[in-house]
Amino acid sequence: MEAADQLSKTLDHVVSCIPDAAMTVSRELTITRMNASAEDLYGVEAQEIIGRHFTVLTPEPAQAEVAALLAAVFDGLPAPQYRGPRIRPDGTEIIVSISAAPLDSTELGVSQLLAIVRDITHEVAERNARRAAEIRLQRTFDEALIATALWELDGRTVLVNDAACSLLQRSREELLHFSWDEFTHPEDLGDGDAVIEHLLDPETADRHVREKRYILPDGSVMWAQVQCVLVRHRDGSPSHFVGQVQDITAQRREESRLLELASHDDLTGLLNRRGLQMALDAHMVGAREHDQNGSLIVVDLDNFKGYNDKFGHPAGDRLLTCVGEALSANLRETDLIARFGGDEFVAMLPQTDREQALAAAEKLLVRVAEAAAQATGPIELPITASIGIACFQDVPSNTPELIEAADRAMYAAKNAGKNQVAFHASGALRA
């Protein structure tokens, strides 16, 4: 008897020390003990509950399930954890989890069990809120109008939305199971690893934006702006990448069109002054670094003003167009030709020495006269050209000075009687 009393006191102490709501239940499914946490949880006093059937604390819809859980424990079987709602005496609903374990045994088997009841209302609410947020995020991802993809840290695609499939004209399976390098323009390959390294570098930003080209199934090329963001875990460690892809093909075409308009002459279609200066600046950098020869030729039409004044601007425009075509047709593919303004044209001849530049200028002298004669027909003062040449090695400074030197040489040719070629520096003239 003393042993039974001691066991009972021990159980009383154990149950009272458990921080969660705890109670003991007899084989008859009556509640034999109940701690203070259980009183707080259910909003009742232990003396009102002890000795009563467990159903006093269990709503009717859950009674059968809880009874089965308790019976399994008494039979020595593994029992799953139960989760379900409870209504407190004040009418508030809580969600509880119930787990049970055998306490003591007799020759007849387990005589009591310990039931632990935890209030998981907030836990369930947070889990449901997270799940709802995940669903909202997934829907937002799936239904986003902008093509969006999720990549693992190794670059493997794990999620794409419908907009990405539509934009790239590929099935979801293609985008998920194949490397995007397979439909990336060959000239834009190889930058993927660099982007990953950039994003993973702790010294750089977690966001990277670049423009690249994708090849669509029909063979056409789409320019895209790709924005990629590194998403981190709460501890700051890298988790994955999220990227958005936007079609900027029309924008790139418009930029090219505007650049073409800004750098080309409306009348002849040749480069204009701005276009030539940009190209010449870029070329001169390489020419200086690699000590390359080259020449600049300025072609100015003789007697053009009188012709234009007499026959009108439309006739003058036709003449300029014919001369521009003749100059283009008689230069190399690597040469550049521009209408520099009015009746003045400028040609850049890369990798030419003085003799080569002179030969090219003399050829142009003849072709300009022929093209002009064809455009104007017989006139009192035929249209010819005065040509000035400046070689890179003679003007080792910058683009404006090179143009100015060739221009001075052209005026030297014109002052010497027109329809001639003159060199900068030497001042030698050849008709």
Protein backbone atom coordinates (compact mmCIF):
# COMPACT_ATOMS: atom_id res chain seq x y z
CA MET A 1 0.00 0.00 0.00
CA GLU A 2 2.85 2.34 0.86
CA ALA A 3 4.41 1.68 -2.57
CA ALA A 4 1.15 2.63 -4.28
CA ASP A 5 0.90 5.81 -2.24
CA GLN A 6 4.49 6.70 -3.03
CA LEU A 7 3.89 6.12 -6.76
CA SER A 8 0.80 8.29 -6.62
CA LYS A 9 2.72 11.11 -4.94
CA THR A 10 5.48 10.77 -7.50
CA LEU A 11 2.99 11.02 -10.34
CA ASP A 12 1.36 14.04 -8.69
CA HIS A 13 4.76 15.74 -8.54
CA VAL A 14 5.71 14.80 -12.10
CA VAL A 15 2.42 16.01 -13.56
CA SER A 16 2.57 19.27 -11.61
CA CYS A 17 6.08 20.00 -12.92
CA ILE A 18 5.27 19.50 -16.60
CA PRO A 19 5.10 22.95 -18.26
CA ASP A 20 2.48 21.88 -20.81
CA ALA A 21 -1.05 20.97 -19.86
CA ALA A 22 -0.88 17.42 -18.47
CA MET A 23 -3.28 14.92 -16.96
CA THR A 24 -3.41 11.22 -16.17
CA VAL A 25 -6.21 9.01 -17.40
CA SER A 26 -7.30 5.66 -16.03
CA ARG A 27 -8.13 2.58 -18.06
CA GLU A 28 -11.80 3.53 -17.60
CA LEU A 29 -10.90 6.79 -19.40
CA THR A 30 -11.53 8.93 -16.34
CA ILE A 31 -9.24 11.82 -15.52
CA THR A 32 -7.23 11.11 -12.38
CA ARG A 33 -4.83 14.07 -12.28
CA MET A 34 -4.64 17.52 -13.85
CA ASN A 35 -1.93 20.15 -13.50
CA ALA A 36 -2.23 23.93 -13.29
CA SER A 37 -1.31 24.39 -16.95
CA ALA A 38 -4.25 22.18 -17.91
CA GLU A 39 -6.53 24.25 -15.70
CA ASP A 40 -5.36 27.40 -17.49
CA LEU A 41 -5.67 25.81 -20.90
CA TYR A 42 -9.21 24.56 -20.46
CA GLY A 43 -10.35 27.33 -18.13
CA VAL A 44 -11.55 24.94 -15.42
CA GLU A 45 -10.42 23.83 -11.96
CA ALA A 46 -8.95 20.37 -11.48
CA GLN A 47 -11.37 19.48 -8.70
CA GLU A 48 -14.26 19.93 -11.13
CA ILE A 49 -12.72 17.51 -13.62
CA ILE A 50 -10.85 14.80 -11.71
CA GLY A 51 -12.88 11.58 -11.58
CA ARG A 52 -14.94 12.48 -14.61
CA HIS A 53 -14.81 10.88 -18.05
CA PHE A 54 -12.36 12.44 -20.54
CA THR A 55 -15.27 13.49 -22.76
CA VAL A 56 -15.98 16.32 -20.33
CA LEU A 57 -13.06 18.13 -21.96
CA THR A 58 -13.56 16.79 -25.49
CA PRO A 59 -16.17 18.06 -27.97
CA GLU A 60 -18.45 15.37 -29.33
CA PRO A 61 -17.09 15.27 -32.90
CA ALA A 62 -13.60 14.43 -31.56
CA GLN A 63 -14.53 12.01 -28.78
CA ALA A 64 -14.30 8.83 -30.86
CA GLU A 65 -10.89 9.77 -32.28
CA VAL A 66 -9.43 10.66 -28.87
CA ALA A 67 -10.90 7.49 -27.35
CA ALA A 68 -9.21 5.42 -30.05
CA LEU A 69 -5.87 7.16 -29.33
CA LEU A 70 -6.13 6.43 -25.60
CA ALA A 71 -7.23 2.83 -26.19
CA ALA A 72 -4.23 2.22 -28.45
CA VAL A 73 -1.87 3.40 -25.70
CA PHE A 74 -3.52 1.11 -23.17
CA ASP A 75 -3.13 -1.78 -25.61
CA GLY A 76 0.57 -1.02 -26.02
CA LEU A 77 0.23 0.16 -29.61
CA PRO A 78 1.90 3.24 -31.12
CA ALA A 79 -0.61 6.07 -31.13
CA PRO A 80 -0.55 9.01 -33.52
CA GLN A 81 -0.69 12.54 -32.19
CA TYR A 82 -4.14 14.06 -32.24
CA ARG A 83 -4.80 17.64 -33.29
CA GLY A 84 -8.12 19.35 -33.15
CA PRO A 85 -10.21 22.25 -31.87
CA ARG A 86 -11.44 22.80 -28.31
CA ILE A 87 -13.98 25.28 -27.00
CA ARG A 88 -13.07 26.90 -23.71
CA PRO A 89 -15.79 27.71 -21.17
CA ASP A 90 -15.61 31.38 -22.23
CA GLY A 91 -16.54 30.34 -25.77
CA THR A 92 -13.13 30.88 -27.37
CA GLU A 93 -11.82 28.19 -29.69
CA ILE A 94 -8.30 26.85 -29.42
CA ILE A 95 -6.36 24.22 -31.35
CA VAL A 96 -4.66 21.55 -29.25
CA SER A 97 -2.35 18.64 -29.87
CA ILE A 98 -2.71 15.57 -27.65
CA SER A 99 -0.10 12.88 -27.19
CA ALA A 100 -0.23 10.04 -24.67
CA ALA A 101 2.21 7.56 -23.14
CA PRO A 102 1.78 4.65 -20.66
CA LEU A 103 2.71 5.45 -17.06
CA ASP A 104 2.62 2.33 -14.89
CA SER A 105 1.91 -1.32 -15.48
CA THR A 106 0.30 -4.14 -13.54
CA GLU A 107 -0.01 -7.81 -14.26
CA LEU A 108 -3.13 -6.88 -16.17
CA GLY A 109 -1.27 -4.31 -18.34
CA VAL A 110 -1.12 -0.53 -18.38
CA SER A 111 -3.36 0.96 -15.74
CA GLN A 112 -2.77 4.68 -16.41
CA LEU A 113 -1.46 6.91 -19.11
CA LEU A 114 -0.11 10.43 -19.24
CA ALA A 115 -1.73 12.81 -21.71
CA ILE A 116 0.10 15.95 -22.74
CA VAL A 117 -2.03 18.69 -24.25
CA ARG A 118 -0.41 21.66 -26.00
CA ASP A 119 -2.11 24.81 -27.20
CA ILE A 120 -0.94 25.08 -30.81
CA THR A 121 -3.44 27.76 -31.84
CA HIS A 122 -0.76 30.34 -32.66
CA GLU A 123 1.48 27.72 -34.26
CA VAL A 124 -1.34 26.57 -36.53
CA ALA A 125 -2.27 30.17 -37.32
CA GLU A 126 1.32 31.00 -38.24
CA ARG A 127 1.62 27.85 -40.34
CA ASN A 128 -1.65 28.64 -42.11
CA ALA A 129 -0.51 32.23 -42.65
CA ARG A 130 2.78 31.01 -44.11
CA ARG A 131 0.96 28.57 -46.33
CA ALA A 132 -1.45 31.27 -47.47
CA ALA A 133 1.49 33.57 -48.18
CA GLU A 134 3.21 30.79 -50.13
CA ILE A 135 0.05 30.23 -52.16
CA ARG A 136 -0.26 33.96 -52.83
CA LEU A 137 3.40 34.11 -53.80
CA GLN A 138 3.03 31.09 -56.07
CA ARG A 139 -0.02 32.61 -57.73
CA THR A 140 1.77 35.93 -58.10
CA PHE A 141 4.74 34.10 -59.61
CA ASP A 142 2.60 32.01 -61.95
CA GLU A 143 0.36 34.88 -63.06
CA ALA A 144 3.01 37.62 -63.26
CA LEU A 145 2.97 39.44 -66.59
CA ILE A 146 6.77 39.59 -66.60
CA ALA A 147 8.69 36.43 -67.45
CA THR A 148 10.11 35.14 -64.18
CA ALA A 149 12.34 32.18 -63.33
CA LEU A 150 14.00 30.73 -60.25
CA TRP A 151 17.48 29.22 -60.45
CA GLU A 152 19.48 27.18 -57.98
CA LEU A 153 22.94 28.43 -57.03
CA ASP A 154 24.49 26.13 -59.63
CA GLY A 155 22.39 27.77 -62.37
CA ARG A 156 19.81 24.97 -62.67
CA THR A 157 16.30 26.22 -63.45
CA VAL A 158 13.69 25.01 -60.96
CA LEU A 159 10.69 27.28 -61.60
CA VAL A 160 9.38 29.26 -64.56
CA ASN A 161 6.06 31.00 -65.02
CA ASP A 162 3.71 31.10 -68.00
CA ALA A 163 5.01 34.49 -69.07
CA ALA A 164 8.53 33.06 -69.44
CA CYS A 165 7.22 30.21 -71.61
CA SER A 166 5.30 32.67 -73.75
CA LEU A 167 8.19 35.13 -74.07
CA LEU A 168 10.80 32.56 -75.04
CA GLN A 169 8.26 30.47 -76.99
CA ARG A 170 9.40 27.32 -75.18
CA SER A 171 7.51 24.74 -73.17
CA ARG A 172 7.91 24.61 -69.40
CA GLU A 173 9.72 21.28 -69.78
CA GLU A 174 12.27 22.84 -72.16
CA LEU A 175 12.97 25.74 -69.81
CA LEU A 176 13.31 23.46 -66.79
CA HIS A 177 15.22 20.54 -68.25
CA PHE A 178 17.58 22.26 -70.68
CA SER A 179 20.28 24.83 -70.06
CA TRP A 180 19.22 28.26 -71.28
CA ASP A 181 22.61 28.44 -73.00
CA GLU A 182 21.10 26.21 -75.68
CA PHE A 183 18.93 29.09 -76.95
CA THR A 184 21.24 31.96 -76.02
CA HIS A 185 22.88 33.83 -78.90
CA PRO A 186 26.42 32.46 -79.41
CA GLU A 187 27.97 35.91 -78.94
CA ASP A 188 26.33 36.20 -75.51
CA LEU A 189 27.41 32.80 -74.19
CA GLY A 190 29.84 32.54 -71.33
CA ASP A 191 28.56 35.40 -69.20
CA GLY A 192 26.33 33.21 -67.01
CA ASP A 193 29.13 31.92 -64.77
CA ALA A 194 30.47 35.46 -64.41
CA VAL A 195 27.05 36.70 -63.30
CA ILE A 196 26.77 33.94 -60.69
CA GLU A 197 30.24 34.73 -59.37
CA HIS A 198 29.35 38.43 -59.23
CA LEU A 199 26.15 37.81 -57.27
CA LEU A 200 27.79 35.37 -54.85
CA ASP A 201 30.72 37.71 -54.19
CA PRO A 202 30.09 39.27 -50.74
CA GLU A 203 31.80 42.45 -51.92
CA THR A 204 29.32 43.08 -54.74
CA ALA A 205 25.59 43.80 -54.94
CA ASP A 206 22.95 41.06 -54.78
CA ARG A 207 21.36 42.38 -58.01
CA HIS A 208 22.68 42.24 -61.56
CA VAL A 209 21.16 43.59 -64.78
CA ARG A 210 22.39 42.78 -68.25
CA GLU A 211 21.19 42.69 -71.84
CA LYS A 212 21.55 39.58 -73.94
CA ARG A 213 20.02 37.84 -76.94
CA TYR A 214 17.93 34.69 -77.10
CA ILE A 215 17.25 32.69 -80.26
CA LEU A 216 13.57 31.84 -80.65
CA PRO A 217 12.37 28.54 -82.18
CA ASP A 218 11.73 30.21 -85.57
CA GLY A 219 15.35 31.38 -85.68
CA SER A 220 14.62 35.04 -84.94
CA VAL A 221 16.63 36.88 -82.30
CA MET A 222 15.11 38.56 -79.27
CA TRP A 223 16.99 41.13 -77.23
CA ALA A 224 16.20 40.78 -73.53
CA GLN A 225 16.99 42.62 -70.35
CA VAL A 226 17.68 40.08 -67.61
CA GLN A 227 17.49 41.21 -63.99
CA CYS A 228 18.80 38.64 -61.54
CA VAL A 229 18.61 38.86 -57.74
CA LEU A 230 20.31 36.67 -55.14
CA VAL A 231 17.84 35.59 -52.45
CA ARG A 232 19.39 34.81 -49.07
CA HIS A 233 18.34 32.70 -46.09
CA ARG A 234 17.57 34.43 -42.79
CA ASP A 235 21.14 33.79 -41.66
CA GLY A 236 22.45 35.64 -44.72
CA SER A 237 23.68 32.59 -46.60
CA PRO A 238 22.80 32.36 -50.34
CA SER A 239 19.61 30.47 -51.14
CA HIS A 240 18.73 30.86 -54.82
CA PHE A 241 18.40 33.33 -57.71
CA VAL A 242 15.24 34.95 -59.02
CA GLY A 243 15.34 36.50 -62.47
CA GLN A 244 13.00 38.53 -64.64
CA VAL A 245 13.33 38.63 -68.41
CA GLN A 246 11.86 41.44 -70.51
CA ASP A 247 11.75 41.71 -74.29
CA ILE A 248 13.60 44.88 -75.34
CA THR A 249 13.92 44.03 -79.03
CA ALA A 250 11.75 46.96 -80.11
CA GLN A 251 13.68 49.28 -77.82
CA ARG A 252 17.01 48.14 -79.23
CA ARG A 253 15.73 48.58 -82.78
CA GLU A 254 14.55 52.08 -81.97
CA GLU A 255 17.88 52.90 -80.38
CA SER A 256 19.66 51.62 -83.48
CA ARG A 257 17.34 53.65 -85.69
CA LEU A 258 17.95 56.80 -83.67
CA LEU A 259 21.68 56.15 -83.66
CA GLU A 260 21.54 55.67 -87.41
CA LEU A 261 19.67 58.96 -87.78
CA ALA A 262 22.08 60.73 -85.46
CA SER A 263 25.19 59.44 -87.22
CA HIS A 264 24.14 59.39 -90.87
CA ASP A 265 23.38 62.02 -93.47
CA ASP A 266 19.71 62.18 -94.51
CA LEU A 267 20.46 63.01 -98.15
CA THR A 268 23.22 60.57 -99.09
CA GLY A 269 22.88 57.91 -96.37
CA LEU A 270 26.60 58.27 -95.66
CA LEU A 271 27.99 58.93 -92.21
CA ASN A 272 27.56 62.52 -91.09
CA ARG A 273 30.09 64.69 -89.26
CA ARG A 274 29.16 63.23 -85.86
CA GLY A 275 29.21 59.65 -87.11
CA LEU A 276 32.62 60.03 -88.73
CA GLN A 277 34.14 61.71 -85.68
CA MET A 278 32.90 58.90 -83.43
CA ALA A 279 34.26 56.23 -85.76
CA LEU A 280 37.53 58.11 -86.26
CA ASP A 281 37.99 58.60 -82.50
CA ALA A 282 37.54 54.87 -81.90
CA HIS A 283 39.84 53.92 -84.76
CA MET A 284 42.59 56.36 -83.79
CA VAL A 285 42.90 54.80 -80.32
CA GLY A 286 43.76 51.42 -81.84
CA ALA A 287 45.94 52.96 -84.53
CA ARG A 288 48.03 54.82 -81.95
CA GLU A 289 48.33 51.78 -79.66
CA HIS A 290 49.46 49.46 -82.47
CA ASP A 291 51.39 52.09 -84.47
CA GLN A 292 49.23 51.55 -87.55
CA ASN A 293 49.31 53.73 -90.66
CA GLY A 294 46.24 55.39 -92.04
CA SER A 295 45.04 58.42 -93.97
CA LEU A 296 42.24 60.94 -93.93
CA ILE A 297 41.03 62.37 -97.25
CA VAL A 298 38.90 65.51 -97.58
CA VAL A 299 37.03 65.86 -100.90
CA ASP A 300 35.48 69.22 -101.73
CA LEU A 301 33.54 69.79 -104.96
CA ASP A 302 34.77 72.53 -107.28
CA ASN A 303 32.21 74.92 -108.78
CA PHE A 304 29.32 73.39 -106.80
CA LYS A 305 27.94 76.66 -105.43
CA GLY A 306 27.49 78.18 -108.88
CA TYR A 307 25.76 75.03 -110.15
CA ASN A 308 23.47 74.87 -107.10
CA ASP A 309 22.54 78.54 -107.40
CA LYS A 310 21.81 78.27 -111.12
CA PHE A 311 19.92 74.95 -111.25
CA GLY A 312 18.40 74.89 -107.77
CA HIS A 313 18.67 72.79 -104.64
CA PRO A 314 16.96 69.65 -106.04
CA ALA A 315 19.56 69.49 -108.80
CA GLY A 316 22.31 70.13 -106.28
CA ASP A 317 20.99 67.36 -104.03
CA ARG A 318 20.94 64.89 -106.94
CA LEU A 319 24.54 65.81 -107.72
CA LEU A 320 25.63 65.29 -104.09
CA THR A 321 23.89 61.92 -104.01
CA CYS A 322 25.65 60.79 -107.20
CA VAL A 323 29.03 61.92 -105.89
CA GLY A 324 28.42 60.13 -102.57
CA GLU A 325 27.59 56.90 -104.42
CA ALA A 326 30.72 57.23 -106.57
CA LEU A 327 32.93 57.74 -103.53
CA SER A 328 31.42 54.72 -101.73
CA ALA A 329 31.75 52.51 -104.79
CA ASN A 330 35.45 53.28 -105.20
CA LEU A 331 36.61 52.74 -101.61
CA ARG A 332 37.43 49.53 -99.77
CA GLU A 333 35.00 47.87 -97.40
CA THR A 334 37.28 48.81 -94.51
CA ASP A 335 37.23 52.50 -95.48
CA LEU A 336 34.73 55.00 -94.11
CA ILE A 337 33.10 57.78 -96.10
CA ALA A 338 31.06 60.68 -94.72
CA ARG A 339 29.33 63.77 -95.98
CA PHE A 340 30.96 66.28 -93.68
CA GLY A 341 28.69 69.14 -94.63
CA GLY A 342 27.62 71.03 -97.75
CA ASP A 343 29.62 69.73 -100.69
CA GLU A 344 32.48 68.38 -98.58
CA PHE A 345 33.12 64.65 -98.10
CA VAL A 346 35.66 62.98 -95.81
CA ALA A 347 37.04 59.46 -96.16
CA MET A 348 39.13 57.50 -93.64
CA LEU A 349 41.47 54.90 -95.13
CA PRO A 350 42.87 52.61 -92.40
CA GLN A 351 46.30 50.99 -92.83
CA THR A 352 47.42 53.06 -95.82
CA ASP A 353 50.75 54.78 -96.35
CA ARG A 354 51.28 57.97 -98.36
CA GLU A 355 51.59 56.24 -101.73
CA GLN A 356 48.44 54.18 -101.17
CA ALA A 357 46.52 57.23 -100.01
CA LEU A 358 47.66 59.19 -103.05
CA ALA A 359 46.62 56.39 -105.41
CA ALA A 360 43.20 56.24 -103.80
CA ALA A 361 42.78 60.03 -103.96
CA GLU A 362 43.74 60.19 -107.63
CA LYS A 363 41.24 57.46 -108.41
CA LEU A 364 38.53 59.38 -106.56
CA LEU A 365 39.47 62.54 -108.44
CA VAL A 366 38.60 60.81 -111.72
CA ARG A 367 35.46 59.04 -110.43
CA VAL A 368 34.00 62.23 -108.93
CA ALA A 369 34.44 64.10 -112.21
CA GLU A 370 32.79 61.24 -114.13
CA ALA A 371 29.85 60.95 -111.70
CA ALA A 372 29.33 64.72 -111.69
CA ALA A 373 29.36 64.93 -115.48
CA GLN A 374 26.78 62.17 -115.66
CA ALA A 375 24.59 63.96 -113.12
CA THR A 376 24.84 67.46 -114.57
CA GLY A 377 25.31 66.90 -118.25
CA PRO A 378 27.30 69.48 -120.23
CA ILE A 379 27.70 72.68 -118.22
CA GLU A 380 29.88 75.76 -118.50
CA LEU A 381 31.97 75.01 -115.38
CA PRO A 382 32.29 71.23 -114.89
CA ILE A 383 32.11 69.85 -111.36
CA THR A 384 35.46 68.49 -110.22
CA ALA A 385 37.08 67.89 -106.83
CA SER A 386 39.90 69.27 -104.75
CA ILE A 387 41.33 66.64 -102.41
CA GLY A 388 43.51 67.01 -99.32
CA ILE A 389 45.31 64.15 -97.56
CA ALA A 390 46.61 63.92 -93.99
CA CYS A 391 48.40 60.76 -92.86
CA PHE A 392 48.21 59.51 -89.27
CA GLN A 393 51.97 59.52 -88.83
CA ASP A 394 52.15 63.19 -89.90
CA VAL A 395 49.58 64.37 -87.33
CA PRO A 396 50.30 62.42 -84.14
CA SER A 397 47.78 64.27 -82.01
CA ASN A 398 44.01 63.85 -82.12
CA THR A 399 40.99 63.57 -84.40
CA PRO A 400 40.14 67.30 -84.72
CA GLU A 401 43.73 68.15 -85.67
CA LEU A 402 43.81 65.34 -88.22
CA ILE A 403 40.63 66.63 -89.87
CA GLU A 404 41.95 70.18 -89.79
CA ALA A 405 45.23 69.09 -91.43
CA ALA A 406 43.43 67.28 -94.27
CA ASP A 407 41.14 70.28 -94.67
CA ARG A 408 44.11 72.64 -95.02
CA ALA A 409 45.61 70.33 -97.63
CA MET A 410 42.31 70.37 -99.53
CA TYR A 411 42.33 74.20 -99.61
CA ALA A 412 45.92 74.08 -100.83
CA ALA A 413 44.77 71.92 -103.75
CA LYS A 414 41.86 74.28 -104.47
CA ASN A 415 44.06 77.39 -104.32
CA ALA A 416 46.54 75.71 -106.67
CA GLY A 417 43.92 75.50 -109.42
CA LYS A 418 41.36 72.86 -108.29
CA ASN A 419 40.90 69.28 -109.55
CA GLN A 420 44.07 68.31 -107.69
CA VAL A 421 45.41 66.37 -104.69
CA ALA A 422 47.57 67.90 -101.97
CA PHE A 423 49.31 66.36 -98.96
CA HIS A 424 49.52 67.86 -95.52
CA ALA A 425 53.07 68.45 -94.25
CA SER A 426 54.91 68.11 -97.56
CA GLY A 427 52.53 70.41 -99.39
CA ALA A 428 53.25 68.54 -102.61
CA LEU A 429 50.48 68.79 -105.18
CA ARG A 430 49.52 66.34 -107.90
CA ALA A 431 46.75 66.89 -110.41
